[in-house]
Amino acid sequence: SRDIEPPLVYIDEVYNVTGVGTVVLGSVVRGKVNINESLMIGPNKAGE
């Protein structure tokens, strides 16, 4: 069932890498994430 479900990644570390920009380290809890894919990231304090 690994790749059929929608992706969910929990973020553990956040970095700013010179020449690359924002980088996050995370665990893929389910589904599959591809490069060039658009995802939603959050929630911030307001829940957005």
ModelCIF file with pLDDT and N, C-alpha, C, O atoms, coordinates in Angstrom:
data_MODEL
#
_entry.id   MODEL 
#
_entity.id                         1 
_entity.type                       polymer 
_entity.pdbx_number_of_molecules   1 
#
_entity_poly.entity_id                      1 
_entity_poly.type                           'polypeptide(L)' 
_entity_poly.nstd_linkage                   no 
_entity_poly.nstd_monomer                   no 
_entity_poly.pdbx_seq_one_letter_code       SRDIEPPLVYIDEVYNVTGVGTVVLGSVVRGKVNINESLMIGPNKAGE 
_entity_poly.pdbx_seq_one_letter_code_can   SRDIEPPLVYIDEVYNVTGVGTVVLGSVVRGKVNINESLMIGPNKAGE 
_entity_poly.pdbx_strand_id                 A 
#
loop_
_entity_poly_seq.entity_id 
_entity_poly_seq.num 
_entity_poly_seq.mon_id 
_entity_poly_seq.hetero 
1 1  SER n 
1 2  ARG n 
1 3  ASP n 
1 4  ILE n 
1 5  GLU n 
1 6  PRO n 
1 7  PRO n 
1 8  LEU n 
1 9  VAL n 
1 10 TYR n 
1 11 ILE n 
1 12 ASP n 
1 13 GLU n 
1 14 VAL n 
1 15 TYR n 
1 16 ASN n 
1 17 VAL n 
1 18 THR n 
1 19 GLY n 
1 20 VAL n 
1 21 GLY n 
1 22 THR n 
1 23 VAL n 
1 24 VAL n 
1 25 LEU n 
1 26 GLY n 
1 27 SER n 
1 28 VAL n 
1 29 VAL n 
1 30 ARG n 
1 31 GLY n 
1 32 LYS n 
1 33 VAL n 
1 34 ASN n 
1 35 ILE n 
1 36 ASN n 
1 37 GLU n 
1 38 SER n 
1 39 LEU n 
1 40 MET n 
1 41 ILE n 
1 42 GLY n 
1 43 PRO n 
1 44 ASN n 
1 45 LYS n 
1 46 ALA n 
1 47 GLY n 
1 48 GLU n 
#
_struct_asym.id          A 
_struct_asym.entity_id   1 
#
loop_
_ma_qa_metric.id 
_ma_qa_metric.mode 
_ma_qa_metric.name 
_ma_qa_metric.software_group_id 
_ma_qa_metric.type 
1 global pLDDT . pLDDT 
2 local  pLDDT . pLDDT 
#
_ma_qa_metric_global.metric_id      1 
_ma_qa_metric_global.metric_value   88.12 
_ma_qa_metric_global.model_id       1 
_ma_qa_metric_global.ordinal_id     1 
#
loop_
_ma_qa_metric_local.label_asym_id 
_ma_qa_metric_local.label_comp_id 
_ma_qa_metric_local.label_seq_id 
_ma_qa_metric_local.metric_id 
_ma_qa_metric_local.metric_value 
_ma_qa_metric_local.model_id 
_ma_qa_metric_local.ordinal_id 
A SER 1  2 50.00 1 1  
A ARG 2  2 55.00 1 2  
A ASP 3  2 60.00 1 3  
A ILE 4  2 72.00 1 4  
A GLU 5  2 81.00 1 5  
A PRO 6  2 89.00 1 6  
A PRO 7  2 93.00 1 7  
A LEU 8  2 93.00 1 8  
A VAL 9  2 94.00 1 9  
A TYR 10 2 92.00 1 10 
A ILE 11 2 92.00 1 11 
A ASP 12 2 88.00 1 12 
A GLU 13 2 88.00 1 13 
A VAL 14 2 92.00 1 14 
A TYR 15 2 89.00 1 15 
A ASN 16 2 90.00 1 16 
A VAL 17 2 86.00 1 17 
A THR 18 2 84.00 1 18 
A GLY 19 2 81.00 1 19 
A VAL 20 2 86.00 1 20 
A GLY 21 2 90.00 1 21 
A THR 22 2 93.00 1 22 
A VAL 23 2 93.00 1 23 
A VAL 24 2 94.00 1 24 
A LEU 25 2 91.00 1 25 
A GLY 26 2 90.00 1 26 
A SER 27 2 88.00 1 27 
A VAL 28 2 90.00 1 28 
A VAL 29 2 87.00 1 29 
A ARG 30 2 87.00 1 30 
A GLY 31 2 90.00 1 31 
A LYS 32 2 91.00 1 32 
A VAL 33 2 94.00 1 33 
A ASN 34 2 93.00 1 34 
A ILE 35 2 92.00 1 35 
A ASN 36 2 93.00 1 36 
A GLU 37 2 94.00 1 37 
A SER 38 2 95.00 1 38 
A LEU 39 2 95.00 1 39 
A MET 40 2 95.00 1 40 
A ILE 41 2 95.00 1 41 
A GLY 42 2 92.00 1 42 
A PRO 43 2 94.00 1 43 
A ASN 44 2 92.00 1 44 
A LYS 45 2 91.00 1 45 
A ALA 46 2 91.00 1 46 
A GLY 47 2 92.00 1 47 
A GLU 48 2 93.00 1 48 
#
loop_
_atom_site.group_PDB 
_atom_site.id 
_atom_site.type_symbol 
_atom_site.label_atom_id 
_atom_site.label_alt_id 
_atom_site.label_comp_id 
_atom_site.label_asym_id 
_atom_site.label_entity_id 
_atom_site.label_seq_id 
_atom_site.pdbx_PDB_ins_code 
_atom_site.Cartn_x 
_atom_site.Cartn_y 
_atom_site.Cartn_z 
_atom_site.occupancy 
_atom_site.B_iso_or_equiv 
_atom_site.pdbx_formal_charge 
_atom_site.auth_seq_id 
_atom_site.auth_comp_id 
_atom_site.auth_asym_id 
_atom_site.auth_atom_id 
_atom_site.pdbx_PDB_model_num 
ATOM 1   N N  . SER A 1 1  ? 0.818  -1.219 0.000  1.00 50.00 ? 1  SER A N  1 
ATOM 2   C CA . SER A 1 1  ? 0.000  0.000  0.000  1.00 50.00 ? 1  SER A CA 1 
ATOM 3   C C  . SER A 1 1  ? 0.844  1.257  0.000  1.00 50.00 ? 1  SER A C  1 
ATOM 4   O O  . SER A 1 1  ? 0.336  2.354  0.232  1.00 50.00 ? 1  SER A O  1 
ATOM 5   N N  . ARG A 1 2  ? 2.161  1.096  -0.265 1.00 55.00 ? 2  ARG A N  1 
ATOM 6   C CA . ARG A 1 2  ? 3.051  2.216  0.042  1.00 55.00 ? 2  ARG A CA 1 
ATOM 7   C C  . ARG A 1 2  ? 2.811  3.474  -0.783 1.00 55.00 ? 2  ARG A C  1 
ATOM 8   O O  . ARG A 1 2  ? 2.847  4.583  -0.251 1.00 55.00 ? 2  ARG A O  1 
ATOM 9   N N  . ASP A 1 3  ? 2.564  3.306  -2.092 1.00 60.00 ? 3  ASP A N  1 
ATOM 10  C CA . ASP A 1 3  ? 2.574  4.498  -2.934 1.00 60.00 ? 3  ASP A CA 1 
ATOM 11  C C  . ASP A 1 3  ? 1.194  4.999  -3.345 1.00 60.00 ? 3  ASP A C  1 
ATOM 12  O O  . ASP A 1 3  ? 1.082  6.073  -3.936 1.00 60.00 ? 3  ASP A O  1 
ATOM 13  N N  . ILE A 1 4  ? 0.145  4.241  -3.043 1.00 72.00 ? 4  ILE A N  1 
ATOM 14  C CA . ILE A 1 4  ? -1.173 4.616  -3.562 1.00 72.00 ? 4  ILE A CA 1 
ATOM 15  C C  . ILE A 1 4  ? -1.800 5.744  -2.741 1.00 72.00 ? 4  ILE A C  1 
ATOM 16  O O  . ILE A 1 4  ? -2.501 6.604  -3.276 1.00 72.00 ? 4  ILE A O  1 
ATOM 17  N N  . GLU A 1 5  ? -1.533 5.723  -1.426 1.00 81.00 ? 5  GLU A N  1 
ATOM 18  C CA . GLU A 1 5  ? -2.171 6.716  -0.562 1.00 81.00 ? 5  GLU A CA 1 
ATOM 19  C C  . GLU A 1 5  ? -1.595 8.112  -0.808 1.00 81.00 ? 5  GLU A C  1 
ATOM 20  O O  . GLU A 1 5  ? -0.475 8.243  -1.301 1.00 81.00 ? 5  GLU A O  1 
ATOM 21  N N  . PRO A 1 6  ? -2.365 9.165  -0.464 1.00 89.00 ? 6  PRO A N  1 
ATOM 22  C CA . PRO A 1 6  ? -1.833 10.521 -0.646 1.00 89.00 ? 6  PRO A CA 1 
ATOM 23  C C  . PRO A 1 6  ? -0.643 10.754 0.278  1.00 89.00 ? 6  PRO A C  1 
ATOM 24  O O  . PRO A 1 6  ? -0.621 10.224 1.389  1.00 89.00 ? 6  PRO A O  1 
ATOM 25  N N  . PRO A 1 7  ? 0.357  11.542 -0.162 1.00 93.00 ? 7  PRO A N  1 
ATOM 26  C CA . PRO A 1 7  ? 1.579  11.697 0.631  1.00 93.00 ? 7  PRO A CA 1 
ATOM 27  C C  . PRO A 1 7  ? 1.363  12.486 1.923  1.00 93.00 ? 7  PRO A C  1 
ATOM 28  O O  . PRO A 1 7  ? 0.528  13.388 1.996  1.00 93.00 ? 7  PRO A O  1 
ATOM 29  N N  . LEU A 1 8  ? 2.155  12.109 2.948  1.00 93.00 ? 8  LEU A N  1 
ATOM 30  C CA . LEU A 1 8  ? 2.159  12.868 4.206  1.00 93.00 ? 8  LEU A CA 1 
ATOM 31  C C  . LEU A 1 8  ? 3.584  12.805 4.749  1.00 93.00 ? 8  LEU A C  1 
ATOM 32  O O  . LEU A 1 8  ? 4.130  11.725 4.976  1.00 93.00 ? 8  LEU A O  1 
ATOM 33  N N  . VAL A 1 9  ? 4.179  13.988 4.953  1.00 94.00 ? 9  VAL A N  1 
ATOM 34  C CA . VAL A 1 9  ? 5.557  14.070 5.453  1.00 94.00 ? 9  VAL A CA 1 
ATOM 35  C C  . VAL A 1 9  ? 5.560  14.929 6.710  1.00 94.00 ? 9  VAL A C  1 
ATOM 36  O O  . VAL A 1 9  ? 5.064  16.055 6.696  1.00 94.00 ? 9  VAL A O  1 
ATOM 37  N N  . TYR A 1 10 ? 6.123  14.397 7.808  1.00 92.00 ? 10 TYR A N  1 
ATOM 38  C CA . TYR A 1 10 ? 6.280  15.194 9.031  1.00 92.00 ? 10 TYR A CA 1 
ATOM 39  C C  . TYR A 1 10 ? 7.676  15.792 9.059  1.00 92.00 ? 10 TYR A C  1 
ATOM 40  O O  . TYR A 1 10 ? 8.660  15.077 8.870  1.00 92.00 ? 10 TYR A O  1 
ATOM 41  N N  . ILE A 1 11 ? 7.772  17.103 9.295  1.00 92.00 ? 11 ILE A N  1 
ATOM 42  C CA . ILE A 1 11 ? 9.053  17.805 9.228  1.00 92.00 ? 11 ILE A CA 1 
ATOM 43  C C  . ILE A 1 11 ? 9.765  17.786 10.568 1.00 92.00 ? 11 ILE A C  1 
ATOM 44  O O  . ILE A 1 11 ? 9.180  18.060 11.616 1.00 92.00 ? 11 ILE A O  1 
ATOM 45  N N  . ASP A 1 12 ? 11.067 17.449 10.499 1.00 88.00 ? 12 ASP A N  1 
ATOM 46  C CA . ASP A 1 12 ? 11.851 17.316 11.722 1.00 88.00 ? 12 ASP A CA 1 
ATOM 47  C C  . ASP A 1 12 ? 12.901 18.408 11.877 1.00 88.00 ? 12 ASP A C  1 
ATOM 48  O O  . ASP A 1 12 ? 13.142 18.890 12.984 1.00 88.00 ? 12 ASP A O  1 
ATOM 49  N N  . GLU A 1 13 ? 13.530 18.801 10.758 1.00 88.00 ? 13 GLU A N  1 
ATOM 50  C CA . GLU A 1 13 ? 14.545 19.864 10.845 1.00 88.00 ? 13 GLU A CA 1 
ATOM 51  C C  . GLU A 1 13 ? 14.327 20.821 9.686  1.00 88.00 ? 13 GLU A C  1 
ATOM 52  O O  . GLU A 1 13 ? 13.810 20.432 8.638  1.00 88.00 ? 13 GLU A O  1 
ATOM 53  N N  . VAL A 1 14 ? 14.725 22.077 9.877  1.00 92.00 ? 14 VAL A N  1 
ATOM 54  C CA . VAL A 1 14 ? 14.574 23.097 8.836  1.00 92.00 ? 14 VAL A CA 1 
ATOM 55  C C  . VAL A 1 14 ? 15.932 23.772 8.641  1.00 92.00 ? 14 VAL A C  1 
ATOM 56  O O  . VAL A 1 14 ? 16.567 24.171 9.616  1.00 92.00 ? 14 VAL A O  1 
ATOM 57  N N  . TYR A 1 15 ? 16.378 23.902 7.399  1.00 89.00 ? 15 TYR A N  1 
ATOM 58  C CA . TYR A 1 15 ? 17.683 24.514 7.134  1.00 89.00 ? 15 TYR A CA 1 
ATOM 59  C C  . TYR A 1 15 ? 17.563 25.582 6.058  1.00 89.00 ? 15 TYR A C  1 
ATOM 60  O O  . TYR A 1 15 ? 16.592 25.617 5.303  1.00 89.00 ? 15 TYR A O  1 
ATOM 61  N N  . ASN A 1 16 ? 18.572 26.456 6.001  1.00 90.00 ? 16 ASN A N  1 
ATOM 62  C CA . ASN A 1 16 ? 18.717 27.348 4.857  1.00 90.00 ? 16 ASN A CA 1 
ATOM 63  C C  . ASN A 1 16 ? 20.072 27.030 4.256  1.00 90.00 ? 16 ASN A C  1 
ATOM 64  O O  . ASN A 1 16 ? 21.097 27.281 4.889  1.00 90.00 ? 16 ASN A O  1 
ATOM 65  N N  . VAL A 1 17 ? 20.100 26.484 3.049  1.00 86.00 ? 17 VAL A N  1 
ATOM 66  C CA . VAL A 1 17 ? 21.363 26.043 2.451  1.00 86.00 ? 17 VAL A CA 1 
ATOM 67  C C  . VAL A 1 17 ? 21.760 27.018 1.351  1.00 86.00 ? 17 VAL A C  1 
ATOM 68  O O  . VAL A 1 17 ? 20.980 27.306 0.443  1.00 86.00 ? 17 VAL A O  1 
ATOM 69  N N  . THR A 1 18 ? 22.991 27.522 1.448  1.00 84.00 ? 18 THR A N  1 
ATOM 70  C CA . THR A 1 18 ? 23.473 28.498 0.464  1.00 84.00 ? 18 THR A CA 1 
ATOM 71  C C  . THR A 1 18 ? 23.383 27.928 -0.945 1.00 84.00 ? 18 THR A C  1 
ATOM 72  O O  . THR A 1 18 ? 23.827 26.810 -1.204 1.00 84.00 ? 18 THR A O  1 
ATOM 73  N N  . GLY A 1 19 ? 22.806 28.704 -1.846 1.00 81.00 ? 19 GLY A N  1 
ATOM 74  C CA . GLY A 1 19 ? 22.712 28.277 -3.239 1.00 81.00 ? 19 GLY A CA 1 
ATOM 75  C C  . GLY A 1 19 ? 21.547 27.351 -3.518 1.00 81.00 ? 19 GLY A C  1 
ATOM 76  O O  . GLY A 1 19 ? 21.238 27.069 -4.676 1.00 81.00 ? 19 GLY A O  1 
ATOM 77  N N  . VAL A 1 20 ? 20.886 26.869 -2.448 1.00 86.00 ? 20 VAL A N  1 
ATOM 78  C CA . VAL A 1 20 ? 19.750 25.952 -2.635 1.00 86.00 ? 20 VAL A CA 1 
ATOM 79  C C  . VAL A 1 20 ? 18.475 26.596 -2.109 1.00 86.00 ? 20 VAL A C  1 
ATOM 80  O O  . VAL A 1 20 ? 17.416 26.503 -2.729 1.00 86.00 ? 20 VAL A O  1 
ATOM 81  N N  . GLY A 1 21 ? 18.594 27.265 -0.932 1.00 90.00 ? 21 GLY A N  1 
ATOM 82  C CA . GLY A 1 21 ? 17.415 27.883 -0.335 1.00 90.00 ? 21 GLY A CA 1 
ATOM 83  C C  . GLY A 1 21 ? 16.895 27.043 0.817  1.00 90.00 ? 21 GLY A C  1 
ATOM 84  O O  . GLY A 1 21 ? 17.668 26.444 1.565  1.00 90.00 ? 21 GLY A O  1 
ATOM 85  N N  . THR A 1 22 ? 15.566 27.008 0.951  1.00 93.00 ? 22 THR A N  1 
ATOM 86  C CA . THR A 1 22 ? 14.962 26.323 2.089  1.00 93.00 ? 22 THR A CA 1 
ATOM 87  C C  . THR A 1 22 ? 15.006 24.806 1.896  1.00 93.00 ? 22 THR A C  1 
ATOM 88  O O  . THR A 1 22 ? 14.606 24.284 0.856  1.00 93.00 ? 22 THR A O  1 
ATOM 89  N N  . VAL A 1 23 ? 15.506 24.111 2.929  1.00 93.00 ? 23 VAL A N  1 
ATOM 90  C CA . VAL A 1 23 ? 15.563 22.650 2.880  1.00 93.00 ? 23 VAL A CA 1 
ATOM 91  C C  . VAL A 1 23 ? 14.948 22.100 4.158  1.00 93.00 ? 23 VAL A C  1 
ATOM 92  O O  . VAL A 1 23 ? 15.253 22.587 5.247  1.00 93.00 ? 23 VAL A O  1 
ATOM 93  N N  . VAL A 1 24 ? 14.079 21.086 4.043  1.00 94.00 ? 24 VAL A N  1 
ATOM 94  C CA . VAL A 1 24 ? 13.507 20.460 5.244  1.00 94.00 ? 24 VAL A CA 1 
ATOM 95  C C  . VAL A 1 24 ? 13.868 18.980 5.274  1.00 94.00 ? 24 VAL A C  1 
ATOM 96  O O  . VAL A 1 24 ? 13.925 18.319 4.237  1.00 94.00 ? 24 VAL A O  1 
ATOM 97  N N  . LEU A 1 25 ? 14.112 18.471 6.484  1.00 91.00 ? 25 LEU A N  1 
ATOM 98  C CA . LEU A 1 25 ? 14.336 17.036 6.676  1.00 91.00 ? 25 LEU A CA 1 
ATOM 99  C C  . LEU A 1 25 ? 13.040 16.475 7.232  1.00 91.00 ? 25 LEU A C  1 
ATOM 100 O O  . LEU A 1 25 ? 12.491 17.018 8.191  1.00 91.00 ? 25 LEU A O  1 
ATOM 101 N N  . GLY A 1 26 ? 12.545 15.395 6.644  1.00 90.00 ? 26 GLY A N  1 
ATOM 102 C CA . GLY A 1 26 ? 11.275 14.863 7.146  1.00 90.00 ? 26 GLY A CA 1 
ATOM 103 C C  . GLY A 1 26 ? 11.145 13.375 6.928  1.00 90.00 ? 26 GLY A C  1 
ATOM 104 O O  . GLY A 1 26 ? 11.885 12.766 6.156  1.00 90.00 ? 26 GLY A O  1 
ATOM 105 N N  . SER A 1 27 ? 10.172 12.800 7.639  1.00 88.00 ? 27 SER A N  1 
ATOM 106 C CA . SER A 1 27 ? 9.862  11.376 7.495  1.00 88.00 ? 27 SER A CA 1 
ATOM 107 C C  . SER A 1 27 ? 8.626  11.235 6.632  1.00 88.00 ? 27 SER A C  1 
ATOM 108 O O  . SER A 1 27 ? 7.607  11.882 6.877  1.00 88.00 ? 27 SER A O  1 
ATOM 109 N N  . VAL A 1 28 ? 8.719  10.386 5.621  1.00 90.00 ? 28 VAL A N  1 
ATOM 110 C CA . VAL A 1 28 ? 7.548  10.125 4.786  1.00 90.00 ? 28 VAL A CA 1 
ATOM 111 C C  . VAL A 1 28 ? 6.699  9.082  5.519  1.00 90.00 ? 28 VAL A C  1 
ATOM 112 O O  . VAL A 1 28 ? 7.077  7.916  5.631  1.00 90.00 ? 28 VAL A O  1 
ATOM 113 N N  . VAL A 1 29 ? 5.555  9.529  6.008  1.00 87.00 ? 29 VAL A N  1 
ATOM 114 C CA . VAL A 1 29 ? 4.711  8.665  6.836  1.00 87.00 ? 29 VAL A CA 1 
ATOM 115 C C  . VAL A 1 29 ? 3.822  7.790  5.965  1.00 87.00 ? 29 VAL A C  1 
ATOM 116 O O  . VAL A 1 29 ? 3.462  6.674  6.338  1.00 87.00 ? 29 VAL A O  1 
ATOM 117 N N  . ARG A 1 30 ? 3.477  8.322  4.798  1.00 87.00 ? 30 ARG A N  1 
ATOM 118 C CA . ARG A 1 30 ? 2.725  7.474  3.851  1.00 87.00 ? 30 ARG A CA 1 
ATOM 119 C C  . ARG A 1 30 ? 2.807  8.095  2.467  1.00 87.00 ? 30 ARG A C  1 
ATOM 120 O O  . ARG A 1 30 ? 3.208  9.247  2.299  1.00 87.00 ? 30 ARG A O  1 
ATOM 121 N N  . GLY A 1 31 ? 2.408  7.282  1.463  1.00 90.00 ? 31 GLY A N  1 
ATOM 122 C CA . GLY A 1 31 ? 2.374  7.781  0.094  1.00 90.00 ? 31 GLY A CA 1 
ATOM 123 C C  . GLY A 1 31 ? 3.752  7.969  -0.495 1.00 90.00 ? 31 GLY A C  1 
ATOM 124 O O  . GLY A 1 31 ? 4.743  7.422  -0.010 1.00 90.00 ? 31 GLY A O  1 
ATOM 125 N N  . LYS A 1 32 ? 3.791  8.768  -1.569 1.00 91.00 ? 32 LYS A N  1 
ATOM 126 C CA . LYS A 1 32 ? 5.015  8.947  -2.343 1.00 91.00 ? 32 LYS A CA 1 
ATOM 127 C C  . LYS A 1 32 ? 5.149  10.419 -2.715 1.00 91.00 ? 32 LYS A C  1 
ATOM 128 O O  . LYS A 1 32 ? 4.162  11.066 -3.065 1.00 91.00 ? 32 LYS A O  1 
ATOM 129 N N  . VAL A 1 33 ? 6.369  10.946 -2.638 1.00 94.00 ? 33 VAL A N  1 
ATOM 130 C CA . VAL A 1 33 ? 6.595  12.345 -3.018 1.00 94.00 ? 33 VAL A CA 1 
ATOM 131 C C  . VAL A 1 33 ? 7.570  12.361 -4.191 1.00 94.00 ? 33 VAL A C  1 
ATOM 132 O O  . VAL A 1 33 ? 8.623  11.726 -4.138 1.00 94.00 ? 33 VAL A O  1 
ATOM 133 N N  . ASN A 1 34 ? 7.214  13.094 -5.255 1.00 93.00 ? 34 ASN A N  1 
ATOM 134 C CA . ASN A 1 34 ? 8.062  13.187 -6.445 1.00 93.00 ? 34 ASN A CA 1 
ATOM 135 C C  . ASN A 1 34 ? 8.681  14.576 -6.559 1.00 93.00 ? 34 ASN A C  1 
ATOM 136 O O  . ASN A 1 34 ? 8.158  15.541 -6.004 1.00 93.00 ? 34 ASN A O  1 
ATOM 137 N N  . ILE A 1 35 ? 9.818  14.676 -7.296 1.00 92.00 ? 35 ILE A N  1 
ATOM 138 C CA . ILE A 1 35 ? 10.365 16.014 -7.503 1.00 92.00 ? 35 ILE A CA 1 
ATOM 139 C C  . ILE A 1 35 ? 9.425  16.787 -8.427 1.00 92.00 ? 35 ILE A C  1 
ATOM 140 O O  . ILE A 1 35 ? 8.708  16.203 -9.240 1.00 92.00 ? 35 ILE A O  1 
ATOM 141 N N  . ASN A 1 36 ? 9.445  18.115 -8.281 1.00 93.00 ? 36 ASN A N  1 
ATOM 142 C CA . ASN A 1 36 ? 8.578  19.039 -9.034 1.00 93.00 ? 36 ASN A CA 1 
ATOM 143 C C  . ASN A 1 36 ? 7.111  18.948 -8.653 1.00 93.00 ? 36 ASN A C  1 
ATOM 144 O O  . ASN A 1 36 ? 6.261  19.557 -9.302 1.00 93.00 ? 36 ASN A O  1 
ATOM 145 N N  . GLU A 1 37 ? 6.806  18.186 -7.597 1.00 94.00 ? 37 GLU A N  1 
ATOM 146 C CA . GLU A 1 37 ? 5.419  18.080 -7.159 1.00 94.00 ? 37 GLU A CA 1 
ATOM 147 C C  . GLU A 1 37 ? 5.070  19.295 -6.289 1.00 94.00 ? 37 GLU A C  1 
ATOM 148 O O  . GLU A 1 37 ? 5.922  19.818 -5.571 1.00 94.00 ? 37 GLU A O  1 
ATOM 149 N N  . SER A 1 38 ? 3.807  19.738 -6.363 1.00 95.00 ? 38 SER A N  1 
ATOM 150 C CA . SER A 1 38 ? 3.368  20.834 -5.486 1.00 95.00 ? 38 SER A CA 1 
ATOM 151 C C  . SER A 1 38 ? 2.647  20.248 -4.284 1.00 95.00 ? 38 SER A C  1 
ATOM 152 O O  . SER A 1 38 ? 1.768  19.398 -4.423 1.00 95.00 ? 38 SER A O  1 
ATOM 153 N N  . LEU A 1 39 ? 3.034  20.720 -3.091 1.00 95.00 ? 39 LEU A N  1 
ATOM 154 C CA . LEU A 1 39 ? 2.410  20.232 -1.857 1.00 95.00 ? 39 LEU A CA 1 
ATOM 155 C C  . LEU A 1 39 ? 2.058  21.426 -0.981 1.00 95.00 ? 39 LEU A C  1 
ATOM 156 O O  . LEU A 1 39 ? 2.555  22.531 -1.194 1.00 95.00 ? 39 LEU A O  1 
ATOM 157 N N  . MET A 1 40 ? 1.191  21.194 0.014  1.00 95.00 ? 40 MET A N  1 
ATOM 158 C CA . MET A 1 40 ? 0.873  22.235 0.992  1.00 95.00 ? 40 MET A CA 1 
ATOM 159 C C  . MET A 1 40 ? 1.740  21.990 2.226  1.00 95.00 ? 40 MET A C  1 
ATOM 160 O O  . MET A 1 40 ? 1.940  20.846 2.637  1.00 95.00 ? 40 MET A O  1 
ATOM 161 N N  . ILE A 1 41 ? 2.257  23.084 2.818  1.00 95.00 ? 41 ILE A N  1 
ATOM 162 C CA . ILE A 1 41 ? 3.074  22.942 4.019  1.00 95.00 ? 41 ILE A CA 1 
ATOM 163 C C  . ILE A 1 41 ? 2.487  23.810 5.129  1.00 95.00 ? 41 ILE A C  1 
ATOM 164 O O  . ILE A 1 41 ? 2.071  24.942 4.883  1.00 95.00 ? 41 ILE A O  1 
ATOM 165 N N  . GLY A 1 42 ? 2.453  23.271 6.365  1.00 92.00 ? 42 GLY A N  1 
ATOM 166 C CA . GLY A 1 42 ? 1.879  24.026 7.486  1.00 92.00 ? 42 GLY A CA 1 
ATOM 167 C C  . GLY A 1 42 ? 1.638  23.077 8.645  1.00 92.00 ? 42 GLY A C  1 
ATOM 168 O O  . GLY A 1 42 ? 2.210  21.987 8.664  1.00 92.00 ? 42 GLY A O  1 
ATOM 169 N N  . PRO A 1 43 ? 0.804  23.456 9.620  1.00 94.00 ? 43 PRO A N  1 
ATOM 170 C CA . PRO A 1 43 ? 0.091  24.741 9.744  1.00 94.00 ? 43 PRO A CA 1 
ATOM 171 C C  . PRO A 1 43 ? 0.946  25.778 10.479 1.00 94.00 ? 43 PRO A C  1 
ATOM 172 O O  . PRO A 1 43 ? 1.778  25.429 11.317 1.00 94.00 ? 43 PRO A O  1 
ATOM 173 N N  . ASN A 1 44 ? 0.728  27.069 10.149 1.00 92.00 ? 44 ASN A N  1 
ATOM 174 C CA . ASN A 1 44 ? 1.373  28.129 10.927 1.00 92.00 ? 44 ASN A CA 1 
ATOM 175 C C  . ASN A 1 44 ? 0.498  28.420 12.160 1.00 92.00 ? 44 ASN A C  1 
ATOM 176 O O  . ASN A 1 44 ? -0.470 27.706 12.419 1.00 92.00 ? 44 ASN A O  1 
ATOM 177 N N  . LYS A 1 45 ? 0.847  29.472 12.914 1.00 91.00 ? 45 LYS A N  1 
ATOM 178 C CA . LYS A 1 45 ? 0.110  29.762 14.153 1.00 91.00 ? 45 LYS A CA 1 
ATOM 179 C C  . LYS A 1 45 ? -1.388 29.945 13.915 1.00 91.00 ? 45 LYS A C  1 
ATOM 180 O O  . LYS A 1 45 ? -2.217 29.608 14.760 1.00 91.00 ? 45 LYS A O  1 
ATOM 181 N N  . ALA A 1 46 ? -1.712 30.495 12.727 1.00 91.00 ? 46 ALA A N  1 
ATOM 182 C CA . ALA A 1 46 ? -3.131 30.753 12.421 1.00 91.00 ? 46 ALA A CA 1 
ATOM 183 C C  . ALA A 1 46 ? -3.805 29.513 11.845 1.00 91.00 ? 46 ALA A C  1 
ATOM 184 O O  . ALA A 1 46 ? -4.996 29.533 11.536 1.00 91.00 ? 46 ALA A O  1 
ATOM 185 N N  . GLY A 1 47 ? -3.030 28.426 11.701 1.00 92.00 ? 47 GLY A N  1 
ATOM 186 C CA . GLY A 1 47 ? -3.635 27.189 11.181 1.00 92.00 ? 47 GLY A CA 1 
ATOM 187 C C  . GLY A 1 47 ? -3.668 27.135 9.667  1.00 92.00 ? 47 GLY A C  1 
ATOM 188 O O  . GLY A 1 47 ? -4.378 26.312 9.088  1.00 92.00 ? 47 GLY A O  1 
ATOM 189 N N  . GLU A 1 48 ? -2.888 28.024 9.005  1.00 93.00 ? 48 GLU A N  1 
ATOM 190 C CA . GLU A 1 48 ? -2.930 28.056 7.536  1.00 93.00 ? 48 GLU A CA 1 
ATOM 191 C C  . GLU A 1 48 ? -1.770 27.268 6.918  1.00 93.00 ? 48 GLU A C  1 
ATOM 192 O O  . GLU A 1 48 ? -1.657 27.194 5.694  1.00 93.00 ? 48 GLU A O  1 
#
